[in-house]
Amino acid sequence: MVGTDPSGGRTGGVSSLWDNRNMGLTRAEAIARVSLWCDATAYPEVSTTDIGTVVDQFSRFSSWTASTAYAVGDRIVPTTPNGRVYEARRAGTSDTTEPDWPTAPWTQYQGWIYSEGTSDPELMWVDAGPANVERYDVRSAARQVWLIKASRVVGEIDSKDGSADVKLSQLRTHCLEQAEKFRPMVIV
């Protein structure tokens, strides 16, 4: 896919969608969005540290890093995004310099293999297909935070004192209902 840069020139075969200015939400923005969607400051509260941990669990990929140990299944994008995501198929340690990832459309295809690194055997990357613009799956993270909130009130009981009637058992139900709103859509 060939795009144009803001000045109107060609981007060398990589869509302008994949420049460094447009890689979706930052980690801080993802945490803020999940906090908002989950009403994090309302009882039962969930700290931004806890939300950050959840957001990290729903990261689709990270950026390639020099001299880093990667496990099988780790997913990365090049530091200069080319619209592709690469998955480690053989564990190892990355080299001190980044590989020359393919950028021309005819060289970008799923299944492309590249070996690199200082470990024996070498780290093996396989092109896993187009990268999603959003690094963080904030909807799945929001669902998980609502489930955490529900688990924190599972032992709460209803209470009545005179005219005050507090039904804390409904709070768990509410949290579970909110979690359902963020359930991933499955198309068969």
Protein backbone atom coordinates (compact mmCIF):
# COMPACT_ATOMS: atom_id res chain seq x y z
CA MET A 1 0.00 0.00 0.00
CA VAL A 2 1.55 3.30 -1.05
CA GLY A 3 0.62 6.47 0.80
CA THR A 4 1.68 10.07 0.80
CA ASP A 5 3.36 12.10 3.47
CA PRO A 6 1.92 15.46 4.60
CA SER A 7 4.06 17.28 2.02
CA GLY A 8 2.49 15.24 -0.79
CA GLY A 9 5.52 13.04 -1.57
CA ARG A 10 5.52 9.25 -1.74
CA THR A 11 6.49 7.37 1.41
CA GLY A 12 8.57 4.71 -0.26
CA GLY A 13 5.91 2.03 -0.30
CA VAL A 14 4.82 2.31 3.31
CA SER A 15 1.41 3.80 4.03
CA SER A 16 1.52 7.16 5.79
CA LEU A 17 -0.59 5.46 8.45
CA TRP A 18 2.61 3.82 9.65
CA ASP A 19 4.79 6.75 10.51
CA ASN A 20 6.09 7.42 14.02
CA ARG A 21 3.45 10.09 14.67
CA ASN A 22 0.51 7.72 14.35
CA MET A 23 1.08 4.52 16.33
CA GLY A 24 -2.12 4.80 18.33
CA LEU A 25 -2.46 5.44 22.02
CA THR A 26 0.55 5.81 24.26
CA ARG A 27 0.62 3.72 27.43
CA ALA A 28 -0.43 6.75 29.51
CA GLU A 29 -3.32 7.47 27.13
CA ALA A 30 -4.42 3.81 27.23
CA ILE A 31 -4.38 3.88 31.06
CA ALA A 32 -6.38 7.12 31.08
CA ARG A 33 -8.97 5.70 28.66
CA VAL A 34 -9.40 2.47 30.66
CA SER A 35 -9.63 4.51 33.89
CA LEU A 36 -12.40 6.60 32.39
CA TRP A 37 -14.31 3.64 30.93
CA CYS A 38 -14.11 1.76 34.23
CA ASP A 39 -14.83 4.64 36.58
CA ALA A 40 -11.61 3.75 38.37
CA THR A 41 -12.07 6.26 41.20
CA ALA A 42 -15.54 4.97 42.15
CA TYR A 43 -15.89 2.20 44.71
CA PRO A 44 -14.36 -0.32 44.41
CA GLU A 45 -11.41 1.79 43.33
CA VAL A 46 -8.69 0.53 41.02
CA SER A 47 -5.35 2.35 41.06
CA THR A 48 -3.63 3.57 37.93
CA THR A 49 -0.76 1.21 38.82
CA ASP A 50 -3.16 -1.75 38.70
CA ILE A 51 -4.70 -0.45 35.47
CA GLY A 52 -1.20 -0.05 33.99
CA THR A 53 -0.44 -3.68 34.80
CA VAL A 54 -3.65 -4.76 33.06
CA VAL A 55 -2.98 -2.52 30.04
CA ASP A 56 0.51 -4.06 29.73
CA GLN A 57 -1.07 -7.53 29.66
CA PHE A 58 -3.11 -6.45 26.63
CA SER A 59 -0.21 -5.02 24.63
CA ARG A 60 -0.30 -6.42 21.09
CA PHE A 61 3.41 -5.79 20.49
CA SER A 62 6.44 -3.83 21.65
CA SER A 63 9.14 -2.00 19.71
CA TRP A 64 12.32 -3.87 18.78
CA THR A 65 15.08 -3.31 21.35
CA ALA A 66 18.81 -4.04 21.03
CA SER A 67 20.47 -6.78 23.12
CA THR A 68 17.17 -7.97 24.52
CA ALA A 69 16.14 -11.54 25.31
CA TYR A 70 12.95 -12.48 23.46
CA ALA A 71 10.83 -15.57 24.15
CA VAL A 72 8.90 -17.59 21.60
CA GLY A 73 5.66 -15.73 20.83
CA ASP A 74 6.97 -12.22 21.65
CA ARG A 75 5.72 -9.72 19.06
CA ILE A 76 7.57 -6.60 17.95
CA VAL A 77 7.40 -3.84 15.40
CA PRO A 78 10.53 -2.17 13.99
CA THR A 79 11.60 1.10 15.64
CA THR A 80 10.77 2.71 12.30
CA PRO A 81 7.35 1.12 11.72
CA ASN A 82 6.82 -0.56 8.36
CA GLY A 83 3.23 -1.69 8.97
CA ARG A 84 4.20 -5.26 9.88
CA VAL A 85 4.45 -7.14 13.16
CA TYR A 86 7.09 -9.83 13.70
CA GLU A 87 6.80 -12.78 16.05
CA ALA A 88 9.70 -14.64 17.66
CA ARG A 89 9.55 -18.28 16.55
CA ARG A 90 12.87 -19.23 18.12
CA ALA A 91 13.91 -17.62 21.41
CA GLY A 92 17.13 -15.66 21.59
CA THR A 93 18.81 -12.34 22.18
CA SER A 94 18.55 -9.52 19.66
CA ASP A 95 21.63 -8.03 18.04
CA THR A 96 23.14 -4.66 18.97
CA THR A 97 21.86 -3.15 15.71
CA GLU A 98 18.35 -3.45 14.35
CA PRO A 99 17.79 -5.72 11.35
CA ASP A 100 17.01 -4.19 7.97
CA TRP A 101 13.29 -4.93 7.97
CA PRO A 102 11.69 -5.05 4.52
CA THR A 103 9.83 -1.92 3.47
CA ALA A 104 8.96 -2.53 -0.18
CA PRO A 105 5.43 -3.95 -0.63
CA TRP A 106 6.66 -6.94 -2.67
CA THR A 107 8.99 -7.96 0.18
CA GLN A 108 6.37 -7.73 2.94
CA TYR A 109 4.49 -10.97 3.22
CA GLN A 110 3.30 -13.18 6.00
CA GLY A 111 5.77 -15.95 6.74
CA TRP A 112 8.93 -13.97 5.88
CA ILE A 113 11.75 -15.23 8.16
CA TYR A 114 14.72 -13.29 9.53
CA SER A 115 17.39 -14.57 11.92
CA GLU A 116 19.44 -12.21 14.07
CA GLY A 117 21.14 -11.89 17.38
CA THR A 118 23.99 -13.09 19.52
CA SER A 119 22.46 -16.24 20.97
CA ASP A 120 23.01 -19.78 19.73
CA PRO A 121 20.72 -20.67 18.06
CA GLU A 122 19.96 -17.24 16.64
CA LEU A 123 16.73 -15.42 17.37
CA MET A 124 14.23 -16.05 14.55
CA TRP A 125 11.55 -13.52 13.57
CA VAL A 126 8.61 -14.41 11.33
CA ASP A 127 6.38 -11.82 9.66
CA ALA A 128 3.04 -12.33 11.44
CA GLY A 129 1.12 -9.98 9.16
CA PRO A 130 -0.07 -6.39 9.27
CA ALA A 131 0.35 -4.61 12.58
CA ASN A 132 -2.71 -3.17 14.27
CA VAL A 133 -2.41 0.60 14.62
CA GLU A 134 -3.36 0.39 18.29
CA ARG A 135 -0.63 -1.14 20.43
CA TYR A 136 -2.97 -1.66 23.40
CA ASP A 137 -6.26 -3.54 23.35
CA VAL A 138 -8.03 -1.07 25.64
CA ARG A 139 -11.44 -2.75 25.33
CA SER A 140 -10.10 -6.07 26.63
CA ALA A 141 -8.18 -4.20 29.34
CA ALA A 142 -11.38 -2.39 30.38
CA ARG A 143 -13.22 -5.71 30.58
CA GLN A 144 -10.47 -7.11 32.82
CA VAL A 145 -10.58 -4.06 35.12
CA TRP A 146 -14.37 -4.42 35.52
CA LEU A 147 -13.82 -8.09 36.42
CA ILE A 148 -11.21 -7.03 39.00
CA LYS A 149 -13.69 -4.55 40.48
CA ALA A 150 -16.33 -7.32 40.65
CA SER A 151 -13.87 -9.63 42.44
CA ARG A 152 -13.14 -6.96 45.04
CA VAL A 153 -16.77 -6.77 46.16
CA VAL A 154 -17.62 -10.47 46.02
CA GLY A 155 -17.77 -10.71 49.81
CA GLU A 156 -19.84 -7.57 50.36
CA ILE A 157 -23.21 -8.04 51.99
CA ASP A 158 -26.41 -6.03 52.01
CA SER A 159 -27.09 -3.88 55.05
CA LYS A 160 -30.13 -2.11 56.41
CA ASP A 161 -30.07 0.42 59.21
CA GLY A 162 -33.31 2.27 59.74
CA SER A 163 -34.17 4.04 56.52
CA ALA A 164 -30.76 3.34 54.94
CA ASP A 165 -30.86 0.22 52.77
CA VAL A 166 -27.49 -0.53 51.18
CA LYS A 167 -27.45 -3.34 48.62
CA LEU A 168 -23.75 -3.97 48.05
CA SER A 169 -24.53 -7.33 46.42
CA GLN A 170 -25.86 -5.35 43.45
CA LEU A 171 -22.47 -3.72 43.01
CA ARG A 172 -20.88 -7.03 41.93
CA THR A 173 -23.72 -7.58 39.45
CA HIS A 174 -23.23 -4.06 38.09
CA CYS A 175 -19.47 -4.64 37.61
CA LEU A 176 -20.10 -7.92 35.80
CA GLU A 177 -22.69 -6.26 33.54
CA GLN A 178 -20.17 -3.54 32.69
CA ALA A 179 -17.52 -6.18 31.91
CA GLU A 180 -19.93 -7.81 29.45
CA LYS A 181 -20.15 -4.54 27.51
CA PHE A 182 -16.44 -4.92 26.72
CA ARG A 183 -16.55 -8.61 25.78
CA PRO A 184 -14.76 -9.18 22.47
CA MET A 185 -17.04 -9.70 19.49
CA VAL A 186 -16.52 -13.12 17.95
CA ILE A 187 -17.45 -13.61 14.32
CA VAL A 188 -17.66 -17.20 13.19
